[in-house]
Amino acid sequence: MIPGPDASRLPTASDGIYYLLFRVESAFDAESPSESSSSVDGEFIINSGGLNGGSAGFALPMLRYVVGSGTSRRAAARTSGAVRLRLPVRNATVDPANLVFAWDALGRAAQYRVEVGVPDGPRILGALLPAKTRRYNAPPWLAGKAPQDRLRWRVVALDAQGREVGRSVWSPLTLAASSPPPGR
């Protein structure tokens, strides 16, 4: 696994959606030549990459991240409650294996961001979904990432430029204790 970039070096001055392309290239490296004895005249040296470099022979992954400044009190007052949450209901106890989030559509939304976190703590899940989506099945690993059984969730509506146009209030939920598999 190759680690991603240092988050402190990513641009965050303007709101919007940003994409980072992972790039693989070979380069001329005089410090690590390869020797071969298959030439007619004896040995010759092959430098890695040549003078022009090279490129990967596979699809390169893109990293997408969103910058939003919707944390001011004025922005929160303007947008808070604009997205109405449906499931799970406030303070529900839910089976983590069947956890489904659902909300009402917001006309100005081009996409939605479902956020799940620990009350007064870090976010442990963020999923970016197209505007036509109004349900999201939690991934099976969510319960394992939760440091406790109490969580909170919300939905943030974003326009086509990735700017916040609405959001729900945080809604608390509790993960039900999972029972051991039959036969144990």
C-alpha atoms as a PDB file:
ATOM      1  CA  MET A   1       0.000   0.000   0.000  1.00  0.00           C
ATOM      2  CA  ILE A   2       1.293   3.438  -0.910  1.00  0.00           C
ATOM      3  CA  PRO A   3       0.362   6.220   1.526  1.00  0.00           C
ATOM      4  CA  GLY A   4      -1.502   9.244   0.232  1.00  0.00           C
ATOM      5  CA  PRO A   5      -0.142  12.788   0.275  1.00  0.00           C
ATOM      6  CA  ASP A   6       0.401  14.777   3.455  1.00  0.00           C
ATOM      7  CA  ALA A   7      -3.007  16.435   4.036  1.00  0.00           C
ATOM      8  CA  SER A   8      -1.381  19.660   5.262  1.00  0.00           C
ATOM      9  CA  ARG A   9       0.086  20.183   1.773  1.00  0.00           C
ATOM     10  CA  LEU A  10      -3.255  19.930  -0.083  1.00  0.00           C
ATOM     11  CA  PRO A  11      -4.911  23.149  -1.296  1.00  0.00           C
ATOM     12  CA  THR A  12      -7.841  24.239   0.882  1.00  0.00           C
ATOM     13  CA  ALA A  13      -8.136  27.982   0.140  1.00  0.00           C
ATOM     14  CA  SER A  14     -11.192  27.677  -2.144  1.00  0.00           C
ATOM     15  CA  ASP A  15     -14.339  25.618  -1.663  1.00  0.00           C
ATOM     16  CA  GLY A  16     -14.929  22.863  -4.173  1.00  0.00           C
ATOM     17  CA  ILE A  17     -14.069  19.353  -5.265  1.00  0.00           C
ATOM     18  CA  TYR A  18     -10.411  18.585  -5.887  1.00  0.00           C
ATOM     19  CA  TYR A  19      -8.840  15.621  -7.675  1.00  0.00           C
ATOM     20  CA  LEU A  20      -5.320  14.275  -7.252  1.00  0.00           C
ATOM     21  CA  LEU A  21      -3.846  11.930  -9.839  1.00  0.00           C
ATOM     22  CA  PHE A  22      -1.464   9.236  -8.647  1.00  0.00           C
ATOM     23  CA  ARG A  23       1.382   9.183 -11.149  1.00  0.00           C
ATOM     24  CA  VAL A  24       4.050   6.550 -11.742  1.00  0.00           C
ATOM     25  CA  GLU A  25       7.059   7.345 -13.899  1.00  0.00           C
ATOM     26  CA  SER A  26      10.473   5.899 -14.414  1.00  0.00           C
ATOM     27  CA  ALA A  27      13.370   8.309 -14.544  1.00  0.00           C
ATOM     28  CA  PHE A  28      17.015   8.354 -15.498  1.00  0.00           C
ATOM     29  CA  ASP A  29      18.967   7.201 -12.458  1.00  0.00           C
ATOM     30  CA  ALA A  30      22.751   7.197 -12.948  1.00  0.00           C
ATOM     31  CA  GLU A  31      23.182   6.059  -9.338  1.00  0.00           C
ATOM     32  CA  SER A  32      21.629   2.617  -9.927  1.00  0.00           C
ATOM     33  CA  PRO A  33      22.782   1.230 -13.292  1.00  0.00           C
ATOM     34  CA  SER A  34      22.306  -2.394 -14.331  1.00  0.00           C
ATOM     35  CA  GLU A  35      25.233  -4.320 -15.795  1.00  0.00           C
ATOM     36  CA  SER A  36      24.931  -6.975 -18.482  1.00  0.00           C
ATOM     37  CA  SER A  37      27.497  -9.233 -20.134  1.00  0.00           C
ATOM     38  CA  SER A  38      25.455 -10.177 -23.181  1.00  0.00           C
ATOM     39  CA  SER A  39      26.960  -7.718 -25.668  1.00  0.00           C
ATOM     40  CA  VAL A  40      29.459  -8.711 -28.332  1.00  0.00           C
ATOM     41  CA  ASP A  41      32.114  -6.322 -27.015  1.00  0.00           C
ATOM     42  CA  GLY A  42      31.748  -7.423 -23.397  1.00  0.00           C
ATOM     43  CA  GLU A  43      29.941  -5.597 -20.660  1.00  0.00           C
ATOM     44  CA  PHE A  44      27.658  -2.626 -21.142  1.00  0.00           C
ATOM     45  CA  ILE A  45      25.550  -0.601 -18.721  1.00  0.00           C
ATOM     46  CA  ILE A  46      21.793  -0.027 -18.898  1.00  0.00           C
ATOM     47  CA  ASN A  47      20.473   2.977 -16.979  1.00  0.00           C
ATOM     48  CA  SER A  48      16.929   2.732 -15.632  1.00  0.00           C
ATOM     49  CA  GLY A  49      14.325   4.754 -17.448  1.00  0.00           C
ATOM     50  CA  GLY A  50      16.435   6.190 -20.220  1.00  0.00           C
ATOM     51  CA  LEU A  51      16.430   9.914 -20.879  1.00  0.00           C
ATOM     52  CA  ASN A  52      12.729  10.389 -21.515  1.00  0.00           C
ATOM     53  CA  GLY A  53      11.232   8.502 -18.562  1.00  0.00           C
ATOM     54  CA  GLY A  54       8.267   6.178 -18.893  1.00  0.00           C
ATOM     55  CA  SER A  55       4.734   5.733 -17.704  1.00  0.00           C
ATOM     56  CA  ALA A  56       2.554   3.161 -15.985  1.00  0.00           C
ATOM     57  CA  GLY A  57       0.862   0.467 -18.035  1.00  0.00           C
ATOM     58  CA  PHE A  58      -2.289   0.473 -15.881  1.00  0.00           C
ATOM     59  CA  ALA A  59      -5.104   2.827 -14.906  1.00  0.00           C
ATOM     60  CA  LEU A  60      -3.969   5.343 -12.320  1.00  0.00           C
ATOM     61  CA  PRO A  61      -6.243   6.024  -9.338  1.00  0.00           C
ATOM     62  CA  MET A  62      -7.714   9.439  -8.566  1.00  0.00           C
ATOM     63  CA  LEU A  63      -8.075  10.816  -5.046  1.00  0.00           C
ATOM     64  CA  ARG A  64     -11.054  13.117  -4.623  1.00  0.00           C
ATOM     65  CA  TYR A  65     -11.553  15.449  -1.680  1.00  0.00           C
ATOM     66  CA  VAL A  66     -13.991  18.266  -0.944  1.00  0.00           C
ATOM     67  CA  VAL A  67     -13.222  21.603   0.680  1.00  0.00           C
ATOM     68  CA  GLY A  68     -16.160  23.408   2.254  1.00  0.00           C
ATOM     69  CA  SER A  69     -16.381  26.432   4.501  1.00  0.00           C
ATOM     70  CA  GLY A  70     -19.913  25.802   5.771  1.00  0.00           C
ATOM     71  CA  THR A  71     -18.778  25.906   9.385  1.00  0.00           C
ATOM     72  CA  SER A  72     -19.550  29.535  10.156  1.00  0.00           C
ATOM     73  CA  ARG A  73     -22.523  30.238  12.421  1.00  0.00           C
ATOM     74  CA  ARG A  74     -24.150  32.319   9.696  1.00  0.00           C
ATOM     75  CA  ALA A  75     -23.835  29.518   7.116  1.00  0.00           C
ATOM     76  CA  ALA A  76     -25.024  26.958   9.656  1.00  0.00           C
ATOM     77  CA  ALA A  77     -28.075  29.050  10.506  1.00  0.00           C
ATOM     78  CA  ARG A  78     -28.878  29.491   6.801  1.00  0.00           C
ATOM     79  CA  THR A  79     -28.591  25.802   5.923  1.00  0.00           C
ATOM     80  CA  SER A  80     -29.251  23.847   9.138  1.00  0.00           C
ATOM     81  CA  GLY A  81     -32.267  21.541   8.832  1.00  0.00           C
ATOM     82  CA  ALA A  82     -32.609  21.989   5.053  1.00  0.00           C
ATOM     83  CA  VAL A  83     -32.176  18.242   4.458  1.00  0.00           C
ATOM     84  CA  ARG A  84     -34.710  16.093   6.290  1.00  0.00           C
ATOM     85  CA  LEU A  85     -33.474  12.747   7.613  1.00  0.00           C
ATOM     86  CA  ARG A  86     -35.710   9.655   7.338  1.00  0.00           C
ATOM     87  CA  LEU A  87     -33.766   6.591   8.557  1.00  0.00           C
ATOM     88  CA  PRO A  88     -32.565   5.704  11.078  1.00  0.00           C
ATOM     89  CA  VAL A  89     -34.824   7.837  13.237  1.00  0.00           C
ATOM     90  CA  ARG A  90     -33.313  10.004  15.955  1.00  0.00           C
ATOM     91  CA  ASN A  91     -31.935   7.974  18.911  1.00  0.00           C
ATOM     92  CA  ALA A  92     -32.684   4.653  17.198  1.00  0.00           C
ATOM     93  CA  THR A  93     -30.859   1.456  18.142  1.00  0.00           C
ATOM     94  CA  VAL A  94     -29.894  -0.275  14.906  1.00  0.00           C
ATOM     95  CA  ASP A  95     -28.336  -3.537  13.814  1.00  0.00           C
ATOM     96  CA  PRO A  96     -24.968  -2.567  12.268  1.00  0.00           C
ATOM     97  CA  ALA A  97     -25.323  -5.342   9.669  1.00  0.00           C
ATOM     98  CA  ASN A  98     -28.517  -3.723   8.309  1.00  0.00           C
ATOM     99  CA  LEU A  99     -27.803  -0.024   8.789  1.00  0.00           C
ATOM    100  CA  VAL A 100     -29.461   2.099   6.092  1.00  0.00           C
ATOM    101  CA  PHE A 101     -29.408   5.889   5.958  1.00  0.00           C
ATOM    102  CA  ALA A 102     -32.257   7.658   4.113  1.00  0.00           C
ATOM    103  CA  TRP A 103     -33.202  11.320   3.602  1.00  0.00           C
ATOM    104  CA  ASP A 104     -35.475  13.591   1.557  1.00  0.00           C
ATOM    105  CA  ALA A 105     -34.255  15.230  -1.638  1.00  0.00           C
ATOM    106  CA  LEU A 106     -33.149  18.845  -1.762  1.00  0.00           C
ATOM    107  CA  GLY A 107     -33.850  20.453  -5.160  1.00  0.00           C
ATOM    108  CA  ARG A 108     -30.561  22.383  -5.401  1.00  0.00           C
ATOM    109  CA  ALA A 109     -28.367  19.370  -4.587  1.00  0.00           C
ATOM    110  CA  ALA A 110     -26.029  17.915  -7.218  1.00  0.00           C
ATOM    111  CA  GLN A 111     -24.699  15.418  -4.693  1.00  0.00           C
ATOM    112  CA  TYR A 112     -24.987  14.444  -1.046  1.00  0.00           C
ATOM    113  CA  ARG A 113     -22.332  13.693   1.540  1.00  0.00           C
ATOM    114  CA  VAL A 114     -23.370  11.243   4.253  1.00  0.00           C
ATOM    115  CA  GLU A 115     -21.269  11.739   7.381  1.00  0.00           C
ATOM    116  CA  VAL A 116     -21.096   9.392  10.373  1.00  0.00           C
ATOM    117  CA  GLY A 117     -19.056  10.171  13.452  1.00  0.00           C
ATOM    118  CA  VAL A 118     -18.650   9.873  17.170  1.00  0.00           C
ATOM    119  CA  PRO A 119     -20.660  12.413  19.238  1.00  0.00           C
ATOM    120  CA  ASP A 120     -18.363  15.415  19.792  1.00  0.00           C
ATOM    121  CA  GLY A 121     -15.580  13.449  18.085  1.00  0.00           C
ATOM    122  CA  PRO A 122     -14.072  12.556  14.733  1.00  0.00           C
ATOM    123  CA  ARG A 123     -15.911  11.552  11.586  1.00  0.00           C
ATOM    124  CA  ILE A 124     -15.418   7.856  10.792  1.00  0.00           C
ATOM    125  CA  LEU A 125     -17.321   7.711   7.495  1.00  0.00           C
ATOM    126  CA  GLY A 126     -17.932  10.152   4.684  1.00  0.00           C
ATOM    127  CA  ALA A 127     -19.655   9.001   1.493  1.00  0.00           C
ATOM    128  CA  LEU A 128     -20.202  11.247  -1.548  1.00  0.00           C
ATOM    129  CA  LEU A 129     -23.313  10.253  -3.518  1.00  0.00           C
ATOM    130  CA  PRO A 130     -25.088  11.563  -6.662  1.00  0.00           C
ATOM    131  CA  ALA A 131     -28.218  13.709  -6.281  1.00  0.00           C
ATOM    132  CA  LYS A 132     -30.587  10.932  -7.389  1.00  0.00           C
ATOM    133  CA  THR A 133     -29.482   8.838  -4.397  1.00  0.00           C
ATOM    134  CA  ARG A 134     -31.488   9.184  -1.211  1.00  0.00           C
ATOM    135  CA  ARG A 135     -30.516   5.942   0.533  1.00  0.00           C
ATOM    136  CA  TYR A 136     -27.128   4.671   1.579  1.00  0.00           C
ATOM    137  CA  ASN A 137     -26.326   1.229   2.997  1.00  0.00           C
ATOM    138  CA  ALA A 138     -23.569   1.518   5.590  1.00  0.00           C
ATOM    139  CA  PRO A 139     -20.469  -0.520   4.717  1.00  0.00           C
ATOM    140  CA  PRO A 140     -19.935  -3.687   6.775  1.00  0.00           C
ATOM    141  CA  TRP A 141     -16.723  -2.314   8.315  1.00  0.00           C
ATOM    142  CA  LEU A 142     -18.464   0.676   9.946  1.00  0.00           C
ATOM    143  CA  ALA A 143     -19.185  -1.064  13.271  1.00  0.00           C
ATOM    144  CA  GLY A 144     -15.555  -2.188  13.512  1.00  0.00           C
ATOM    145  CA  LYS A 145     -14.293   1.392  13.005  1.00  0.00           C
ATOM    146  CA  ALA A 146     -16.638   2.862  15.608  1.00  0.00           C
ATOM    147  CA  PRO A 147     -14.766   3.375  18.902  1.00  0.00           C
ATOM    148  CA  GLN A 148     -18.075   3.140  20.766  1.00  0.00           C
ATOM    149  CA  ASP A 149     -21.683   2.095  20.112  1.00  0.00           C
ATOM    150  CA  ARG A 150     -23.028   5.691  20.164  1.00  0.00           C
ATOM    151  CA  LEU A 151     -22.741   7.497  16.825  1.00  0.00           C
ATOM    152  CA  ARG A 152     -24.238  10.481  15.050  1.00  0.00           C
ATOM    153  CA  TRP A 153     -25.000  11.035  11.373  1.00  0.00           C
ATOM    154  CA  ARG A 154     -26.050  13.785   9.005  1.00  0.00           C
ATOM    155  CA  VAL A 155     -26.419  14.554   5.305  1.00  0.00           C
ATOM    156  CA  VAL A 156     -24.841  17.579   3.614  1.00  0.00           C
ATOM    157  CA  ALA A 157     -26.228  18.705   0.222  1.00  0.00           C
ATOM    158  CA  LEU A 158     -23.663  20.051  -2.274  1.00  0.00           C
ATOM    159  CA  ASP A 159     -24.118  21.907  -5.562  1.00  0.00           C
ATOM    160  CA  ALA A 160     -22.270  21.055  -8.794  1.00  0.00           C
ATOM    161  CA  GLN A 161     -19.205  23.035  -7.650  1.00  0.00           C
ATOM    162  CA  GLY A 162     -19.051  21.168  -4.323  1.00  0.00           C
ATOM    163  CA  ARG A 163     -20.396  24.094  -2.270  1.00  0.00           C
ATOM    164  CA  GLU A 164     -22.762  23.351   0.583  1.00  0.00           C
ATOM    165  CA  VAL A 165     -26.371  24.285  -0.210  1.00  0.00           C
ATOM    166  CA  GLY A 166     -28.067  22.539   2.719  1.00  0.00           C
ATOM    167  CA  ARG A 167     -27.589  20.097   5.522  1.00  0.00           C
ATOM    168  CA  SER A 168     -29.452  18.172   8.142  1.00  0.00           C
ATOM    169  CA  VAL A 169     -28.910  18.417  11.853  1.00  0.00           C
ATOM    170  CA  TRP A 170     -26.792  15.697  13.476  1.00  0.00           C
ATOM    171  CA  SER A 171     -28.943  12.728  14.495  1.00  0.00           C
ATOM    172  CA  PRO A 172     -27.776  10.340  17.242  1.00  0.00           C
ATOM    173  CA  LEU A 173     -28.021   6.552  16.917  1.00  0.00           C
ATOM    174  CA  THR A 174     -26.835   3.510  18.833  1.00  0.00           C
ATOM    175  CA  LEU A 175     -25.359   0.360  17.315  1.00  0.00           C
ATOM    176  CA  ALA A 176     -26.986  -2.769  18.728  1.00  0.00           C
ATOM    177  CA  ALA A 177     -24.592  -5.295  20.235  1.00  0.00           C
ATOM    178  CA  SER A 178     -23.897  -7.913  17.615  1.00  0.00           C
ATOM    179  CA  SER A 179     -24.757 -11.428  18.635  1.00  0.00           C
ATOM    180  CA  PRO A 180     -22.243 -14.220  18.056  1.00  0.00           C
ATOM    181  CA  PRO A 181     -22.777 -16.461  15.018  1.00  0.00           C
ATOM    182  CA  PRO A 182     -24.901 -19.601  15.623  1.00  0.00           C
ATOM    183  CA  GLY A 183     -23.002 -22.576  17.064  1.00  0.00           C
ATOM    184  CA  ARG A 184     -20.711 -20.555  19.345  1.00  0.00           C
END
